[in-house]
Amino acid sequence: MTFSEKLYQLRKARGLSQENLAGHLGVSRQAVQKWETGSSTPDVSNLVAISEYFQVSLDHLLKDTEGVSASTDREESEPQTTIGIPYRIYQPHYEYKSTRTLFGLPLVHINLGRGFYRAKGIIAIGNIAVGLISLGIVSAGILSLGCISAGILVLSALGIGAVVFGAVAVGILAVGGVAAGLFAAGGLSVGIYSIGGCAIASRVAIGGYANAHIAVGDQASGIIKIAGHQQMQLLSAAQFREIILGEYPGTPSFIMKILTLFFQQ
């Protein structure tokens, strides 16, 4: 029996997919597929990793024999040859998928470990997560949390969506260190309506530096300028509201409420 046949039987006996085994070994699924078809052979370090994972000796893997045991007892197996290769530690893999489904998706899918483990479900938690509620390094969903995320409500280092909170935020309502959107708030904000340390907008900007058609700030540049703290104190919220509506009658009420917070009620 060849190495490729032994590897296939060992994997099947453990109930693993090629992707699962690849995750345990820290290689790609395509590498495992090539090993099992015999089109390529793993290098020495991967051979050691395979022998450690399945608890079989290197001789047992490499010698052409007539049978292979998928569950060799550690005490009965032959001493394993390390041939000077440093011991490699592989992170565990955990996966849970609920049997109950909704719209063809499991209600909960958790898939975590070293490698590109993907979770897809109504609630998805994984290295890569896709679901109505998703949590992952890369995530997408209606409610999405992760390092890189996309969705309706997003909390992320880098986020794209309708309502986004993140270091870099892009959305209809974007709040972050750098924010861009219909309404943007942040250290550097760019949008139709913007609030920030440096605020740039096509309509209304409020900030330390503000550049817009209606600009409010310590340094203001625009058609209508309200520059400096003293000028801001002279305006009430109602008066500022009239200025905005005079230029842009269709300004959404929720944006208007945010913009007028900076003036006396």
C-alpha atoms as a PDB file:
ATOM      1  CA  MET A   1       0.000   0.000   0.000  1.00  0.00           C
ATOM      2  CA  THR A   2       1.462   3.362  -1.034  1.00  0.00           C
ATOM      3  CA  PHE A   3       1.818   6.474   1.107  1.00  0.00           C
ATOM      4  CA  SER A   4      -1.030   8.207  -0.743  1.00  0.00           C
ATOM      5  CA  GLU A   5      -3.388   5.299  -0.028  1.00  0.00           C
ATOM      6  CA  LYS A   6      -2.371   5.187   3.633  1.00  0.00           C
ATOM      7  CA  LEU A   7      -2.923   8.922   4.081  1.00  0.00           C
ATOM      8  CA  TYR A   8      -6.361   8.669   2.480  1.00  0.00           C
ATOM      9  CA  GLN A   9      -7.383   5.800   4.785  1.00  0.00           C
ATOM     10  CA  LEU A  10      -6.017   7.513   7.901  1.00  0.00           C
ATOM     11  CA  ARG A  11      -7.931  10.684   7.085  1.00  0.00           C
ATOM     12  CA  LYS A  12     -11.180   8.848   6.372  1.00  0.00           C
ATOM     13  CA  ALA A  13     -10.867   6.808   9.573  1.00  0.00           C
ATOM     14  CA  ARG A  14     -10.723  10.055  11.553  1.00  0.00           C
ATOM     15  CA  GLY A  15     -13.750  11.439   9.693  1.00  0.00           C
ATOM     16  CA  LEU A  16     -11.787  14.421   8.405  1.00  0.00           C
ATOM     17  CA  SER A  17     -12.210  16.334   5.193  1.00  0.00           C
ATOM     18  CA  GLN A  18      -9.137  17.350   3.214  1.00  0.00           C
ATOM     19  CA  GLU A  19      -9.725  20.921   4.405  1.00  0.00           C
ATOM     20  CA  ASN A  20      -9.882  19.799   8.061  1.00  0.00           C
ATOM     21  CA  LEU A  21      -6.619  17.860   7.788  1.00  0.00           C
ATOM     22  CA  ALA A  22      -4.955  20.765   5.996  1.00  0.00           C
ATOM     23  CA  GLY A  23      -5.967  23.041   8.872  1.00  0.00           C
ATOM     24  CA  HIS A  24      -4.423  20.714  11.460  1.00  0.00           C
ATOM     25  CA  LEU A  25      -1.179  20.454   9.493  1.00  0.00           C
ATOM     26  CA  GLY A  26      -0.967  24.124   8.535  1.00  0.00           C
ATOM     27  CA  VAL A  27      -0.973  23.502   4.779  1.00  0.00           C
ATOM     28  CA  SER A  28      -3.424  24.140   1.946  1.00  0.00           C
ATOM     29  CA  ARG A  29      -6.237  21.756   0.986  1.00  0.00           C
ATOM     30  CA  GLN A  30      -4.669  21.464  -2.480  1.00  0.00           C
ATOM     31  CA  ALA A  31      -1.460  20.107  -0.889  1.00  0.00           C
ATOM     32  CA  VAL A  32      -3.388  17.337   0.881  1.00  0.00           C
ATOM     33  CA  GLN A  33      -5.245  16.538  -2.336  1.00  0.00           C
ATOM     34  CA  LYS A  34      -1.954  16.164  -4.250  1.00  0.00           C
ATOM     35  CA  TRP A  35      -0.509  13.888  -1.544  1.00  0.00           C
ATOM     36  CA  GLU A  36      -3.547  11.613  -1.693  1.00  0.00           C
ATOM     37  CA  THR A  37      -3.551  11.399  -5.490  1.00  0.00           C
ATOM     38  CA  GLY A  38       0.183  10.701  -5.511  1.00  0.00           C
ATOM     39  CA  SER A  39       1.000  13.696  -7.716  1.00  0.00           C
ATOM     40  CA  SER A  40       3.321  15.055  -5.019  1.00  0.00           C
ATOM     41  CA  THR A  41       4.935  13.924  -1.760  1.00  0.00           C
ATOM     42  CA  PRO A  42       5.146  15.947   1.473  1.00  0.00           C
ATOM     43  CA  ASP A  43       8.527  17.213   2.580  1.00  0.00           C
ATOM     44  CA  VAL A  44      10.258  15.831   5.671  1.00  0.00           C
ATOM     45  CA  SER A  45       8.760  18.325   8.120  1.00  0.00           C
ATOM     46  CA  ASN A  46       5.227  17.605   6.862  1.00  0.00           C
ATOM     47  CA  LEU A  47       5.854  13.852   7.046  1.00  0.00           C
ATOM     48  CA  VAL A  48       6.851  14.255  10.694  1.00  0.00           C
ATOM     49  CA  ALA A  49       3.712  16.332  11.310  1.00  0.00           C
ATOM     50  CA  ILE A  50       1.512  13.648   9.712  1.00  0.00           C
ATOM     51  CA  SER A  51       3.122  10.858  11.771  1.00  0.00           C
ATOM     52  CA  GLU A  52       2.640  12.851  14.993  1.00  0.00           C
ATOM     53  CA  TYR A  53      -0.961  13.706  14.220  1.00  0.00           C
ATOM     54  CA  PHE A  54      -2.032  10.141  13.362  1.00  0.00           C
ATOM     55  CA  GLN A  55       0.356   8.587  15.920  1.00  0.00           C
ATOM     56  CA  VAL A  56       2.069   6.303  13.435  1.00  0.00           C
ATOM     57  CA  SER A  57       5.773   5.941  12.678  1.00  0.00           C
ATOM     58  CA  LEU A  58       7.539   7.341   9.643  1.00  0.00           C
ATOM     59  CA  ASP A  59       8.491   3.783   8.606  1.00  0.00           C
ATOM     60  CA  HIS A  60       4.831   2.816   8.763  1.00  0.00           C
ATOM     61  CA  LEU A  61       3.910   5.738   6.486  1.00  0.00           C
ATOM     62  CA  LEU A  62       6.683   5.364   3.940  1.00  0.00           C
ATOM     63  CA  LYS A  63       7.165   1.591   3.582  1.00  0.00           C
ATOM     64  CA  ASP A  64       4.991  -0.161   1.042  1.00  0.00           C
ATOM     65  CA  THR A  65       2.860  -2.453   3.249  1.00  0.00           C
ATOM     66  CA  GLU A  66      -0.376  -4.384   2.851  1.00  0.00           C
ATOM     67  CA  GLY A  67      -2.414  -2.678   5.589  1.00  0.00           C
ATOM     68  CA  VAL A  68      -2.655   0.389   7.731  1.00  0.00           C
ATOM     69  CA  SER A  69      -4.247   0.902  11.139  1.00  0.00           C
ATOM     70  CA  ALA A  70      -6.062   4.171  11.735  1.00  0.00           C
ATOM     71  CA  SER A  71      -5.805   3.928  15.511  1.00  0.00           C
ATOM     72  CA  THR A  72      -2.335   2.630  16.417  1.00  0.00           C
ATOM     73  CA  ASP A  73      -1.869   2.621  20.171  1.00  0.00           C
ATOM     74  CA  ARG A  74       0.932   4.927  21.308  1.00  0.00           C
ATOM     75  CA  GLU A  75       2.494   2.198  23.476  1.00  0.00           C
ATOM     76  CA  GLU A  76       2.395  -0.406  20.691  1.00  0.00           C
ATOM     77  CA  SER A  77       3.635   1.789  17.873  1.00  0.00           C
ATOM     78  CA  GLU A  78       7.254   1.771  16.782  1.00  0.00           C
ATOM     79  CA  PRO A  79       9.501   4.538  18.132  1.00  0.00           C
ATOM     80  CA  GLN A  80       9.093   7.592  15.919  1.00  0.00           C
ATOM     81  CA  THR A  81      12.097   8.951  14.083  1.00  0.00           C
ATOM     82  CA  THR A  82      12.483  12.709  14.458  1.00  0.00           C
ATOM     83  CA  ILE A  83      15.747  12.941  12.415  1.00  0.00           C
ATOM     84  CA  GLY A  84      16.536  16.281  14.014  1.00  0.00           C
ATOM     85  CA  ILE A  85      13.381  18.113  12.872  1.00  0.00           C
ATOM     86  CA  PRO A  86      12.161  20.589  15.550  1.00  0.00           C
ATOM     87  CA  TYR A  87       8.846  19.631  17.139  1.00  0.00           C
ATOM     88  CA  ARG A  88       5.973  21.562  15.570  1.00  0.00           C
ATOM     89  CA  ILE A  89       2.970  22.649  17.584  1.00  0.00           C
ATOM     90  CA  TYR A  90      -0.359  22.848  15.784  1.00  0.00           C
ATOM     91  CA  GLN A  91      -3.227  24.869  17.098  1.00  0.00           C
ATOM     92  CA  PRO A  92      -6.436  22.922  17.789  1.00  0.00           C
ATOM     93  CA  HIS A  93      -9.448  23.207  15.566  1.00  0.00           C
ATOM     94  CA  TYR A  94     -12.997  23.487  16.880  1.00  0.00           C
ATOM     95  CA  GLU A  95     -16.170  23.322  14.824  1.00  0.00           C
ATOM     96  CA  TYR A  96     -19.805  23.236  15.858  1.00  0.00           C
ATOM     97  CA  LYS A  97     -22.762  23.347  13.492  1.00  0.00           C
ATOM     98  CA  SER A  98     -26.298  23.209  14.850  1.00  0.00           C
ATOM     99  CA  THR A  99     -28.672  20.711  13.277  1.00  0.00           C
ATOM    100  CA  ARG A 100     -31.507  23.236  13.255  1.00  0.00           C
ATOM    101  CA  THR A 101     -31.548  25.448  10.187  1.00  0.00           C
ATOM    102  CA  LEU A 102     -33.254  28.566   8.921  1.00  0.00           C
ATOM    103  CA  PHE A 103     -33.364  29.518   5.237  1.00  0.00           C
ATOM    104  CA  GLY A 104     -31.085  26.548   4.602  1.00  0.00           C
ATOM    105  CA  LEU A 105     -28.407  27.827   6.995  1.00  0.00           C
ATOM    106  CA  PRO A 106     -27.522  26.380  10.415  1.00  0.00           C
ATOM    107  CA  LEU A 107     -28.750  28.558  13.264  1.00  0.00           C
ATOM    108  CA  VAL A 108     -25.234  28.522  14.743  1.00  0.00           C
ATOM    109  CA  HIS A 109     -21.967  27.694  13.004  1.00  0.00           C
ATOM    110  CA  ILE A 110     -18.657  28.034  14.885  1.00  0.00           C
ATOM    111  CA  ASN A 111     -15.459  27.193  13.018  1.00  0.00           C
ATOM    112  CA  LEU A 112     -12.209  28.297  14.659  1.00  0.00           C
ATOM    113  CA  GLY A 113      -8.594  27.242  14.377  1.00  0.00           C
ATOM    114  CA  ARG A 114      -5.315  27.865  12.671  1.00  0.00           C
ATOM    115  CA  GLY A 115      -5.916  28.426   8.970  1.00  0.00           C
ATOM    116  CA  PHE A 116      -8.763  29.664   6.796  1.00  0.00           C
ATOM    117  CA  TYR A 117     -11.719  28.217   8.673  1.00  0.00           C
ATOM    118  CA  ARG A 118     -15.021  29.650   7.462  1.00  0.00           C
ATOM    119  CA  ALA A 119     -18.272  29.804   9.392  1.00  0.00           C
ATOM    120  CA  LYS A 120     -21.579  30.364   7.607  1.00  0.00           C
ATOM    121  CA  GLY A 121     -24.895  30.482   9.458  1.00  0.00           C
ATOM    122  CA  ILE A 122     -27.549  32.683  11.004  1.00  0.00           C
ATOM    123  CA  ILE A 123     -25.030  33.228  13.827  1.00  0.00           C
ATOM    124  CA  ALA A 124     -21.518  32.700  12.479  1.00  0.00           C
ATOM    125  CA  ILE A 125     -18.267  32.737  14.463  1.00  0.00           C
ATOM    126  CA  GLY A 126     -15.062  31.860  12.665  1.00  0.00           C
ATOM    127  CA  ASN A 127     -11.796  33.056  11.199  1.00  0.00           C
ATOM    128  CA  ILE A 128     -13.959  34.065   8.255  1.00  0.00           C
ATOM    129  CA  ALA A 129     -17.598  34.534   9.255  1.00  0.00           C
ATOM    130  CA  VAL A 130     -20.671  35.116   7.096  1.00  0.00           C
ATOM    131  CA  GLY A 131     -24.122  35.343   8.692  1.00  0.00           C
ATOM    132  CA  LEU A 132     -26.932  37.552   9.890  1.00  0.00           C
ATOM    133  CA  ILE A 133     -24.837  37.979  13.061  1.00  0.00           C
ATOM    134  CA  SER A 134     -21.146  37.418  12.364  1.00  0.00           C
ATOM    135  CA  LEU A 135     -17.973  37.566  14.429  1.00  0.00           C
ATOM    136  CA  GLY A 136     -14.589  36.911  12.886  1.00  0.00           C
ATOM    137  CA  ILE A 137     -11.263  38.239  11.700  1.00  0.00           C
ATOM    138  CA  VAL A 138     -13.072  38.846   8.423  1.00  0.00           C
ATOM    139  CA  SER A 139     -16.840  39.067   8.828  1.00  0.00           C
ATOM    140  CA  ALA A 140     -19.937  39.976   6.830  1.00  0.00           C
ATOM    141  CA  GLY A 141     -23.527  40.173   8.037  1.00  0.00           C
ATOM    142  CA  ILE A 142     -26.374  42.381   9.193  1.00  0.00           C
ATOM    143  CA  LEU A 143     -24.583  42.749  12.558  1.00  0.00           C
ATOM    144  CA  SER A 144     -20.892  42.316  11.887  1.00  0.00           C
ATOM    145  CA  LEU A 145     -17.934  42.453  14.287  1.00  0.00           C
ATOM    146  CA  GLY A 146     -14.333  41.842  13.267  1.00  0.00           C
ATOM    147  CA  CYS A 147     -11.015  43.241  12.145  1.00  0.00           C
ATOM    148  CA  ILE A 148     -12.352  43.666   8.607  1.00  0.00           C
ATOM    149  CA  SER A 149     -16.146  43.767   8.392  1.00  0.00           C
ATOM    150  CA  ALA A 150     -19.027  44.563   6.089  1.00  0.00           C
ATOM    151  CA  GLY A 151     -22.709  44.735   6.946  1.00  0.00           C
ATOM    152  CA  ILE A 152     -25.620  46.868   8.085  1.00  0.00           C
ATOM    153  CA  LEU A 153     -24.349  47.550  11.636  1.00  0.00           C
ATOM    154  CA  VAL A 154     -20.569  47.176  11.750  1.00  0.00           C
ATOM    155  CA  LEU A 155     -18.017  47.411  14.571  1.00  0.00           C
ATOM    156  CA  SER A 156     -14.575  46.890  13.136  1.00  0.00           C
ATOM    157  CA  ALA A 157     -11.026  48.133  12.682  1.00  0.00           C
ATOM    158  CA  LEU A 158     -11.875  48.491   8.989  1.00  0.00           C
ATOM    159  CA  GLY A 159     -15.606  48.575   8.295  1.00  0.00           C
ATOM    160  CA  ILE A 160     -17.978  49.128   5.403  1.00  0.00           C
ATOM    161  CA  GLY A 161     -21.747  49.266   5.861  1.00  0.00           C
ATOM    162  CA  ALA A 162     -24.800  51.334   6.676  1.00  0.00           C
ATOM    163  CA  VAL A 163     -23.892  52.208  10.283  1.00  0.00           C
ATOM    164  CA  VAL A 164     -20.174  51.760  10.910  1.00  0.00           C
ATOM    165  CA  PHE A 165     -17.968  52.251  13.958  1.00  0.00           C
ATOM    166  CA  GLY A 166     -14.275  51.637  13.431  1.00  0.00           C
ATOM    167  CA  ALA A 167     -10.737  52.933  13.090  1.00  0.00           C
ATOM    168  CA  VAL A 168     -11.492  53.323   9.386  1.00  0.00           C
ATOM    169  CA  ALA A 169     -15.233  53.576   8.718  1.00  0.00           C
ATOM    170  CA  VAL A 170     -17.109  53.889   5.442  1.00  0.00           C
ATOM    171  CA  GLY A 171     -20.909  53.979   5.459  1.00  0.00           C
ATOM    172  CA  ILE A 172     -24.127  55.932   5.441  1.00  0.00           C
ATOM    173  CA  LEU A 173     -23.437  56.789   9.094  1.00  0.00           C
ATOM    174  CA  ALA A 174     -19.698  56.422   9.751  1.00  0.00           C
ATOM    175  CA  VAL A 175     -17.885  57.053  13.016  1.00  0.00           C
ATOM    176  CA  GLY A 176     -14.147  56.427  13.331  1.00  0.00           C
ATOM    177  CA  GLY A 177     -10.606  57.702  13.348  1.00  0.00           C
ATOM    178  CA  VAL A 178     -11.004  58.142   9.603  1.00  0.00           C
ATOM    179  CA  ALA A 179     -14.645  58.283   8.518  1.00  0.00           C
ATOM    180  CA  ALA A 180     -16.354  58.707   5.160  1.00  0.00           C
ATOM    181  CA  GLY A 181     -20.080  58.636   4.476  1.00  0.00           C
ATOM    182  CA  LEU A 182     -23.360  60.466   4.123  1.00  0.00           C
ATOM    183  CA  PHE A 183     -22.783  61.557   7.731  1.00  0.00           C
ATOM    184  CA  ALA A 184     -19.222  61.158   9.014  1.00  0.00           C
ATOM    185  CA  ALA A 185     -17.708  61.829  12.408  1.00  0.00           C
ATOM    186  CA  GLY A 186     -14.073  61.280  13.304  1.00  0.00           C
ATOM    187  CA  GLY A 187     -10.562  62.649  13.543  1.00  0.00           C
ATOM    188  CA  LEU A 188     -10.624  63.026   9.767  1.00  0.00           C
ATOM    189  CA  SER A 189     -14.149  62.963   8.373  1.00  0.00           C
ATOM    190  CA  VAL A 190     -15.308  63.328   4.791  1.00  0.00           C
ATOM    191  CA  GLY A 191     -18.951  63.269   3.762  1.00  0.00           C
ATOM    192  CA  ILE A 192     -22.027  65.188   2.814  1.00  0.00           C
ATOM    193  CA  TYR A 193     -22.309  66.160   6.497  1.00  0.00           C
ATOM    194  CA  SER A 194     -19.131  65.909   8.600  1.00  0.00           C
ATOM    195  CA  ILE A 195     -18.011  66.466  12.197  1.00  0.00           C
ATOM    196  CA  GLY A 196     -14.409  66.025  13.297  1.00  0.00           C
ATOM    197  CA  GLY A 197     -10.999  67.428  14.020  1.00  0.00           C
ATOM    198  CA  CYS A 198     -10.660  67.953  10.299  1.00  0.00           C
ATOM    199  CA  ALA A 199     -14.109  67.957   8.698  1.00  0.00           C
ATOM    200  CA  ILE A 200     -14.635  68.167   4.954  1.00  0.00           C
ATOM    201  CA  ALA A 201     -18.140  68.055   3.496  1.00  0.00           C
ATOM    202  CA  SER A 202     -20.132  69.020   0.459  1.00  0.00           C
ATOM    203  CA  ARG A 203     -22.898  70.581   2.597  1.00  0.00           C
ATOM    204  CA  VAL A 204     -22.177  71.074   6.323  1.00  0.00           C
ATOM    205  CA  ALA A 205     -18.908  70.633   8.216  1.00  0.00           C
ATOM    206  CA  ILE A 206     -18.224  71.242  11.916  1.00  0.00           C
ATOM    207  CA  GLY A 207     -14.732  70.821  13.350  1.00  0.00           C
ATOM    208  CA  GLY A 208     -11.399  72.279  14.346  1.00  0.00           C
ATOM    209  CA  TYR A 209     -10.856  72.793  10.642  1.00  0.00           C
ATOM    210  CA  ALA A 210     -14.041  72.810   8.569  1.00  0.00           C
ATOM    211  CA  ASN A 211     -14.422  73.032   4.804  1.00  0.00           C
ATOM    212  CA  ALA A 212     -17.916  72.921   3.307  1.00  0.00           C
ATOM    213  CA  HIS A 213     -20.703  75.018   1.838  1.00  0.00           C
ATOM    214  CA  ILE A 214     -21.705  75.707   5.470  1.00  0.00           C
ATOM    215  CA  ALA A 215     -18.535  75.568   7.573  1.00  0.00           C
ATOM    216  CA  VAL A 216     -18.342  75.875  11.364  1.00  0.00           C
ATOM    217  CA  GLY A 217     -15.006  75.719  13.184  1.00  0.00           C
ATOM    218  CA  ASP A 218     -11.960  77.423  14.617  1.00  0.00           C
ATOM    219  CA  GLN A 219     -10.801  77.620  11.015  1.00  0.00           C
ATOM    220  CA  ALA A 220     -13.714  77.615   8.580  1.00  0.00           C
ATOM    221  CA  SER A 221     -13.686  77.711   4.809  1.00  0.00           C
ATOM    222  CA  GLY A 222     -16.907  77.841   2.788  1.00  0.00           C
ATOM    223  CA  ILE A 223     -19.727  79.920   1.318  1.00  0.00           C
ATOM    224  CA  ILE A 224     -21.318  80.373   4.750  1.00  0.00           C
ATOM    225  CA  LYS A 225     -18.655  80.536   7.466  1.00  0.00           C
ATOM    226  CA  ILE A 226     -19.085  80.533  11.223  1.00  0.00           C
ATOM    227  CA  ALA A 227     -15.524  80.835  12.445  1.00  0.00           C
ATOM    228  CA  GLY A 228     -14.406  80.807  16.057  1.00  0.00           C
ATOM    229  CA  HIS A 229     -16.004  80.036  19.384  1.00  0.00           C
ATOM    230  CA  GLN A 230     -17.436  83.548  19.778  1.00  0.00           C
ATOM    231  CA  GLN A 231     -19.479  83.394  16.563  1.00  0.00           C
ATOM    232  CA  MET A 232     -20.802  79.963  17.527  1.00  0.00           C
ATOM    233  CA  GLN A 233     -22.010  81.357  20.861  1.00  0.00           C
ATOM    234  CA  LEU A 234     -23.984  84.069  19.062  1.00  0.00           C
ATOM    235  CA  LEU A 235     -26.049  81.459  17.203  1.00  0.00           C
ATOM    236  CA  SER A 236     -28.772  79.329  18.753  1.00  0.00           C
ATOM    237  CA  ALA A 237     -29.618  75.834  17.615  1.00  0.00           C
ATOM    238  CA  ALA A 238     -32.831  77.140  16.053  1.00  0.00           C
ATOM    239  CA  GLN A 239     -30.947  79.790  14.073  1.00  0.00           C
ATOM    240  CA  PHE A 240     -28.379  77.291  12.805  1.00  0.00           C
ATOM    241  CA  ARG A 241     -31.210  74.973  11.837  1.00  0.00           C
ATOM    242  CA  GLU A 242     -32.763  77.755   9.752  1.00  0.00           C
ATOM    243  CA  ILE A 243     -29.425  78.361   8.003  1.00  0.00           C
ATOM    244  CA  ILE A 244     -29.149  74.696   7.047  1.00  0.00           C
ATOM    245  CA  LEU A 245     -32.765  74.384   5.922  1.00  0.00           C
ATOM    246  CA  GLY A 246     -32.433  77.598   3.917  1.00  0.00           C
ATOM    247  CA  GLU A 247     -29.654  76.000   1.883  1.00  0.00           C
ATOM    248  CA  TYR A 248     -30.714  72.340   2.084  1.00  0.00           C
ATOM    249  CA  PRO A 249     -34.453  71.964   2.830  1.00  0.00           C
ATOM    250  CA  GLY A 250     -34.346  68.168   2.617  1.00  0.00           C
ATOM    251  CA  THR A 251     -31.767  67.627   5.383  1.00  0.00           C
ATOM    252  CA  PRO A 252     -32.770  64.483   7.363  1.00  0.00           C
ATOM    253  CA  SER A 253     -34.114  65.284  10.832  1.00  0.00           C
ATOM    254  CA  PHE A 254     -31.731  62.911  12.660  1.00  0.00           C
ATOM    255  CA  ILE A 255     -28.726  64.616  11.042  1.00  0.00           C
ATOM    256  CA  MET A 256     -30.177  68.014  11.890  1.00  0.00           C
ATOM    257  CA  LYS A 257     -30.450  67.026  15.566  1.00  0.00           C
ATOM    258  CA  ILE A 258     -26.784  65.983  15.644  1.00  0.00           C
ATOM    259  CA  LEU A 259     -25.562  69.137  13.895  1.00  0.00           C
ATOM    260  CA  THR A 260     -27.482  71.509  16.185  1.00  0.00           C
ATOM    261  CA  LEU A 261     -26.124  69.894  19.364  1.00  0.00           C
ATOM    262  CA  PHE A 262     -23.130  72.213  19.117  1.00  0.00           C
ATOM    263  CA  PHE A 263     -25.268  75.321  19.597  1.00  0.00           C
ATOM    264  CA  GLN A 264     -27.325  76.665  22.490  1.00  0.00           C
ATOM    265  CA  GLN A 265     -30.769  75.114  22.566  1.00  0.00           C
END
